[in-house]
Amino acid sequence: MADEHRVVVNDEEQYALWPRHKEVPDGWRDAGCAGSRQECLEFVTRTWTDMRPRGVREHLAAG
């Protein structure tokens, strides 16, 4: 099954793989990628380049 996973993202811009047949959990939204586990992992690797939560990044950037 090619579309067995999807990538989800939360408000802190943290990414996760989620089973495609399950409803996206509260606090998360679809990140726009669905496919095999490997395809989704490659998307996350390309997209999530700074592992720090968004709030931490913004706090540090503000000085």
PDB file of N, CA and C in Angstrom:
ATOM      1  N   MET A   1       0.852  -1.186   0.000  1.00  0.00           N
ATOM      2  CA  MET A   1       0.000   0.000   0.000  1.00  0.00           C
ATOM      3  C   MET A   1       0.896   1.247   0.000  1.00  0.00           C
ATOM      4  N   ALA A   2       0.831   2.044  -1.033  1.00  0.00           N
ATOM      5  CA  ALA A   2       1.726   3.187  -1.199  1.00  0.00           C
ATOM      6  C   ALA A   2       1.392   4.351  -0.276  1.00  0.00           C
ATOM      7  N   ASP A   3       0.128   4.590  -0.017  1.00  0.00           N
ATOM      8  CA  ASP A   3      -0.270   5.739   0.797  1.00  0.00           C
ATOM      9  C   ASP A   3      -0.649   5.319   2.215  1.00  0.00           C
ATOM     10  N   GLU A   4       0.226   4.616   2.882  1.00  0.00           N
ATOM     11  CA  GLU A   4      -0.139   4.142   4.207  1.00  0.00           C
ATOM     12  C   GLU A   4       0.186   5.120   5.326  1.00  0.00           C
ATOM     13  N   HIS A   5       0.970   6.149   5.036  1.00  0.00           N
ATOM     14  CA  HIS A   5       1.346   7.139   6.045  1.00  0.00           C
ATOM     15  C   HIS A   5       1.067   8.551   5.539  1.00  0.00           C
ATOM     16  N   ARG A   6       1.030   9.472   6.480  1.00  0.00           N
ATOM     17  CA  ARG A   6       0.998  10.893   6.151  1.00  0.00           C
ATOM     18  C   ARG A   6       1.887  11.594   7.173  1.00  0.00           C
ATOM     19  N   VAL A   7       2.310  12.792   6.838  1.00  0.00           N
ATOM     20  CA  VAL A   7       3.100  13.600   7.763  1.00  0.00           C
ATOM     21  C   VAL A   7       2.168  14.624   8.381  1.00  0.00           C
ATOM     22  N   VAL A   8       2.273  14.757   9.699  1.00  0.00           N
ATOM     23  CA  VAL A   8       1.499  15.760  10.422  1.00  0.00           C
ATOM     24  C   VAL A   8       2.472  16.701  11.122  1.00  0.00           C
ATOM     25  N   VAL A   9       1.994  17.909  11.413  1.00  0.00           N
ATOM     26  CA  VAL A   9       2.819  18.923  12.066  1.00  0.00           C
ATOM     27  C   VAL A   9       1.967  19.623  13.112  1.00  0.00           C
ATOM     28  N   ASN A  10       2.599  20.017  14.222  1.00  0.00           N
ATOM     29  CA  ASN A  10       1.850  20.728  15.259  1.00  0.00           C
ATOM     30  C   ASN A  10       2.206  22.215  15.242  1.00  0.00           C
ATOM     31  N   ASP A  11       1.631  22.977  16.158  1.00  0.00           N
ATOM     32  CA  ASP A  11       1.853  24.428  16.189  1.00  0.00           C
ATOM     33  C   ASP A  11       3.292  24.808  16.523  1.00  0.00           C
ATOM     34  N   GLU A  12       4.044  23.903  17.121  1.00  0.00           N
ATOM     35  CA  GLU A  12       5.456  24.154  17.420  1.00  0.00           C
ATOM     36  C   GLU A  12       6.360  23.725  16.261  1.00  0.00           C
ATOM     37  N   GLU A  13       5.726  23.368  15.127  1.00  0.00           N
ATOM     38  CA  GLU A  13       6.426  22.945  13.910  1.00  0.00           C
ATOM     39  C   GLU A  13       7.270  21.697  14.137  1.00  0.00           C
ATOM     40  N   GLN A  14       6.720  20.771  14.921  1.00  0.00           N
ATOM     41  CA  GLN A  14       7.314  19.456  15.118  1.00  0.00           C
ATOM     42  C   GLN A  14       6.553  18.482  14.223  1.00  0.00           C
ATOM     43  N   TYR A  15       7.262  17.601  13.560  1.00  0.00           N
ATOM     44  CA  TYR A  15       6.675  16.704  12.569  1.00  0.00           C
ATOM     45  C   TYR A  15       6.593  15.279  13.095  1.00  0.00           C
ATOM     46  N   ALA A  16       5.632  14.539  12.569  1.00  0.00           N
ATOM     47  CA  ALA A  16       5.469  13.131  12.926  1.00  0.00           C
ATOM     48  C   ALA A  16       4.811  12.391  11.773  1.00  0.00           C
ATOM     49  N   LEU A  17       5.047  11.093  11.704  1.00  0.00           N
ATOM     50  CA  LEU A  17       4.337  10.231  10.758  1.00  0.00           C
ATOM     51  C   LEU A  17       3.080   9.730  11.440  1.00  0.00           C
ATOM     52  N   TRP A  18       2.003   9.650  10.684  1.00  0.00           N
ATOM     53  CA  TRP A  18       0.717   9.232  11.228  1.00  0.00           C
ATOM     54  C   TRP A  18       0.067   8.277  10.238  1.00  0.00           C
ATOM     55  N   PRO A  19      -0.591   7.232  10.719  1.00  0.00           N
ATOM     56  CA  PRO A  19      -1.276   6.315   9.799  1.00  0.00           C
ATOM     57  C   PRO A  19      -2.321   7.057   8.968  1.00  0.00           C
ATOM     58  N   ARG A  20      -2.294   6.848   7.681  1.00  0.00           N
ATOM     59  CA  ARG A  20      -3.181   7.580   6.767  1.00  0.00           C
ATOM     60  C   ARG A  20      -4.655   7.293   7.045  1.00  0.00           C
ATOM     61  N   HIS A  21      -4.973   6.110   7.495  1.00  0.00           N
ATOM     62  CA  HIS A  21      -6.373   5.737   7.717  1.00  0.00           C
ATOM     63  C   HIS A  21      -6.941   6.299   9.024  1.00  0.00           C
ATOM     64  N   LYS A  22      -6.096   6.891   9.860  1.00  0.00           N
ATOM     65  CA  LYS A  22      -6.577   7.450  11.126  1.00  0.00           C
ATOM     66  C   LYS A  22      -6.782   8.956  11.001  1.00  0.00           C
ATOM     67  N   GLU A  23      -7.724   9.470  11.768  1.00  0.00           N
ATOM     68  CA  GLU A  23      -7.987  10.902  11.806  1.00  0.00           C
ATOM     69  C   GLU A  23      -6.788  11.620  12.431  1.00  0.00           C
ATOM     70  N   VAL A  24      -6.465  12.788  11.900  1.00  0.00           N
ATOM     71  CA  VAL A  24      -5.365  13.577  12.455  1.00  0.00           C
ATOM     72  C   VAL A  24      -5.752  13.993  13.878  1.00  0.00           C
ATOM     73  N   PRO A  25      -4.865  13.781  14.849  1.00  0.00           N
ATOM     74  CA  PRO A  25      -5.214  14.087  16.238  1.00  0.00           C
ATOM     75  C   PRO A  25      -5.305  15.590  16.498  1.00  0.00           C
ATOM     76  N   ASP A  26      -6.027  15.935  17.548  1.00  0.00           N
ATOM     77  CA  ASP A  26      -6.141  17.337  17.951  1.00  0.00           C
ATOM     78  C   ASP A  26      -4.750  17.921  18.178  1.00  0.00           C
ATOM     79  N   GLY A  27      -4.572  19.158  17.764  1.00  0.00           N
ATOM     80  CA  GLY A  27      -3.296  19.839  17.935  1.00  0.00           C
ATOM     81  C   GLY A  27      -2.320  19.607  16.795  1.00  0.00           C
ATOM     82  N   TRP A  28      -2.699  18.789  15.846  1.00  0.00           N
ATOM     83  CA  TRP A  28      -1.862  18.489  14.692  1.00  0.00           C
ATOM     84  C   TRP A  28      -2.645  18.780  13.424  1.00  0.00           C
ATOM     85  N   ARG A  29      -1.928  18.996  12.320  1.00  0.00           N
ATOM     86  CA  ARG A  29      -2.580  19.202  11.022  1.00  0.00           C
ATOM     87  C   ARG A  29      -1.762  18.467   9.963  1.00  0.00           C
ATOM     88  N   ASP A  30      -2.393  18.198   8.863  1.00  0.00           N
ATOM     89  CA  ASP A  30      -1.734  17.520   7.755  1.00  0.00           C
ATOM     90  C   ASP A  30      -0.644  18.429   7.195  1.00  0.00           C
ATOM     91  N   ALA A  31       0.543  17.899   6.979  1.00  0.00           N
ATOM     92  CA  ALA A  31       1.665  18.690   6.463  1.00  0.00           C
ATOM     93  C   ALA A  31       1.763  18.645   4.945  1.00  0.00           C
ATOM     94  N   GLY A  32       0.865  17.909   4.294  1.00  0.00           N
ATOM     95  CA  GLY A  32       0.842  17.898   2.838  1.00  0.00           C
ATOM     96  C   GLY A  32       1.659  16.807   2.186  1.00  0.00           C
ATOM     97  N   CYS A  33       2.031  15.791   2.929  1.00  0.00           N
ATOM     98  CA  CYS A  33       2.779  14.677   2.358  1.00  0.00           C
ATOM     99  C   CYS A  33       2.133  13.375   2.797  1.00  0.00           C
ATOM    100  N   ALA A  34       1.876  12.505   1.834  1.00  0.00           N
ATOM    101  CA  ALA A  34       1.366  11.167   2.123  1.00  0.00           C
ATOM    102  C   ALA A  34       2.065  10.192   1.198  1.00  0.00           C
ATOM    103  N   GLY A  35       2.311   8.997   1.683  1.00  0.00           N
ATOM    104  CA  GLY A  35       2.953   7.983   0.865  1.00  0.00           C
ATOM    105  C   GLY A  35       3.509   6.877   1.724  1.00  0.00           C
ATOM    106  N   SER A  36       4.533   6.242   1.213  1.00  0.00           N
ATOM    107  CA  SER A  36       5.167   5.166   1.969  1.00  0.00           C
ATOM    108  C   SER A  36       5.889   5.765   3.175  1.00  0.00           C
ATOM    109  N   ARG A  37       6.235   4.911   4.105  1.00  0.00           N
ATOM    110  CA  ARG A  37       6.988   5.370   5.281  1.00  0.00           C
ATOM    111  C   ARG A  37       8.270   6.076   4.835  1.00  0.00           C
ATOM    112  N   GLN A  38       8.974   5.490   3.882  1.00  0.00           N
ATOM    113  CA  GLN A  38      10.226   6.069   3.405  1.00  0.00           C
ATOM    114  C   GLN A  38      10.004   7.437   2.766  1.00  0.00           C
ATOM    115  N   GLU A  39       8.974   7.575   1.940  1.00  0.00           N
ATOM    116  CA  GLU A  39       8.685   8.872   1.312  1.00  0.00           C
ATOM    117  C   GLU A  39       8.391   9.929   2.371  1.00  0.00           C
ATOM    118  N   CYS A  40       7.632   9.550   3.381  1.00  0.00           N
ATOM    119  CA  CYS A  40       7.291  10.500   4.446  1.00  0.00           C
ATOM    120  C   CYS A  40       8.522  10.876   5.262  1.00  0.00           C
ATOM    121  N   LEU A  41       9.376   9.899   5.562  1.00  0.00           N
ATOM    122  CA  LEU A  41      10.607  10.197   6.302  1.00  0.00           C
ATOM    123  C   LEU A  41      11.514  11.132   5.507  1.00  0.00           C
ATOM    124  N   GLU A  42      11.590  10.932   4.201  1.00  0.00           N
ATOM    125  CA  GLU A  42      12.401  11.817   3.356  1.00  0.00           C
ATOM    126  C   GLU A  42      11.842  13.236   3.373  1.00  0.00           C
ATOM    127  N   PHE A  43      10.524  13.374   3.338  1.00  0.00           N
ATOM    128  CA  PHE A  43       9.892  14.695   3.420  1.00  0.00           C
ATOM    129  C   PHE A  43      10.245  15.365   4.744  1.00  0.00           C
ATOM    130  N   VAL A  44      10.135  14.627   5.840  1.00  0.00           N
ATOM    131  CA  VAL A  44      10.447  15.186   7.161  1.00  0.00           C
ATOM    132  C   VAL A  44      11.916  15.601   7.221  1.00  0.00           C
ATOM    133  N   THR A  45      12.803  14.785   6.690  1.00  0.00           N
ATOM    134  CA  THR A  45      14.233  15.101   6.691  1.00  0.00           C
ATOM    135  C   THR A  45      14.515  16.390   5.924  1.00  0.00           C
ATOM    136  N   ARG A  46      13.848  16.581   4.795  1.00  0.00           N
ATOM    137  CA  ARG A  46      14.038  17.805   3.991  1.00  0.00           C
ATOM    138  C   ARG A  46      13.413  19.027   4.650  1.00  0.00           C
ATOM    139  N   THR A  47      12.301  18.833   5.341  1.00  0.00           N
ATOM    140  CA  THR A  47      11.493  19.945   5.832  1.00  0.00           C
ATOM    141  C   THR A  47      11.855  20.376   7.246  1.00  0.00           C
ATOM    142  N   TRP A  48      12.073  19.431   8.128  1.00  0.00           N
ATOM    143  CA  TRP A  48      12.300  19.723   9.553  1.00  0.00           C
ATOM    144  C   TRP A  48      13.798  19.807   9.798  1.00  0.00           C
ATOM    145  N   THR A  49      14.382  20.938   9.456  1.00  0.00           N
ATOM    146  CA  THR A  49      15.833  21.088   9.515  1.00  0.00           C
ATOM    147  C   THR A  49      16.327  21.639  10.846  1.00  0.00           C
ATOM    148  N   ASP A  50      15.449  22.199  11.648  1.00  0.00           N
ATOM    149  CA  ASP A  50      15.806  22.698  12.982  1.00  0.00           C
ATOM    150  C   ASP A  50      14.870  22.015  13.974  1.00  0.00           C
ATOM    151  N   MET A  51      15.406  21.113  14.772  1.00  0.00           N
ATOM    152  CA  MET A  51      14.590  20.278  15.650  1.00  0.00           C
ATOM    153  C   MET A  51      14.023  21.027  16.860  1.00  0.00           C
ATOM    154  N   ARG A  52      14.489  22.235  17.093  1.00  0.00           N
ATOM    155  CA  ARG A  52      13.969  22.982  18.242  1.00  0.00           C
ATOM    156  C   ARG A  52      12.520  23.390  17.985  1.00  0.00           C
ATOM    157  N   PRO A  53      11.670  23.323  19.018  1.00  0.00           N
ATOM    158  CA  PRO A  53      10.296  23.797  18.856  1.00  0.00           C
ATOM    159  C   PRO A  53      10.278  25.267  18.427  1.00  0.00           C
ATOM    160  N   ARG A  54       9.249  25.653  17.696  1.00  0.00           N
ATOM    161  CA  ARG A  54       9.143  27.021  17.186  1.00  0.00           C
ATOM    162  C   ARG A  54       9.266  28.047  18.300  1.00  0.00           C
ATOM    163  N   GLY A  55       8.620  27.832  19.436  1.00  0.00           N
ATOM    164  CA  GLY A  55       8.676  28.778  20.545  1.00  0.00           C
ATOM    165  C   GLY A  55      10.097  29.011  21.036  1.00  0.00           C
ATOM    166  N   VAL A  56      10.900  27.977  21.095  1.00  0.00           N
ATOM    167  CA  VAL A  56      12.298  28.103  21.518  1.00  0.00           C
ATOM    168  C   VAL A  56      13.080  28.892  20.480  1.00  0.00           C
ATOM    169  N   ARG A  57      12.890  28.575  19.205  1.00  0.00           N
ATOM    170  CA  ARG A  57      13.593  29.313  18.143  1.00  0.00           C
ATOM    171  C   ARG A  57      13.261  30.796  18.196  1.00  0.00           C
ATOM    172  N   GLU A  58      11.974  31.112  18.358  1.00  0.00           N
ATOM    173  CA  GLU A  58      11.557  32.517  18.400  1.00  0.00           C
ATOM    174  C   GLU A  58      12.120  33.223  19.626  1.00  0.00           C
ATOM    175  N   HIS A  59      12.127  32.554  20.762  1.00  0.00           N
ATOM    176  CA  HIS A  59      12.667  33.144  21.993  1.00  0.00           C
ATOM    177  C   HIS A  59      14.158  33.443  21.838  1.00  0.00           C
ATOM    178  N   LEU A  60      14.906  32.506  21.297  1.00  0.00           N
ATOM    179  CA  LEU A  60      16.340  32.710  21.112  1.00  0.00           C
ATOM    180  C   LEU A  60      16.627  33.783  20.067  1.00  0.00           C
ATOM    181  N   ALA A  61      15.809  33.856  19.028  1.00  0.00           N
ATOM    182  CA  ALA A  61      16.007  34.872  17.994  1.00  0.00           C
ATOM    183  C   ALA A  61      15.731  36.272  18.531  1.00  0.00           C
ATOM    184  N   ALA A  62      14.816  36.370  19.500  1.00  0.00           N
ATOM    185  CA  ALA A  62      14.475  37.674  20.073  1.00  0.00           C
ATOM    186  C   ALA A  62      15.571  38.180  21.005  1.00  0.00           C
ATOM    187  N   GLY A  63      16.438  37.280  21.423  1.00  0.00           N
ATOM    188  CA  GLY A  63      17.563  37.659  22.265  1.00  0.00           C
ATOM    189  C   GLY A  63      17.177  37.756  23.679  1.00  0.00           C
TER     190      GLY A  63
END
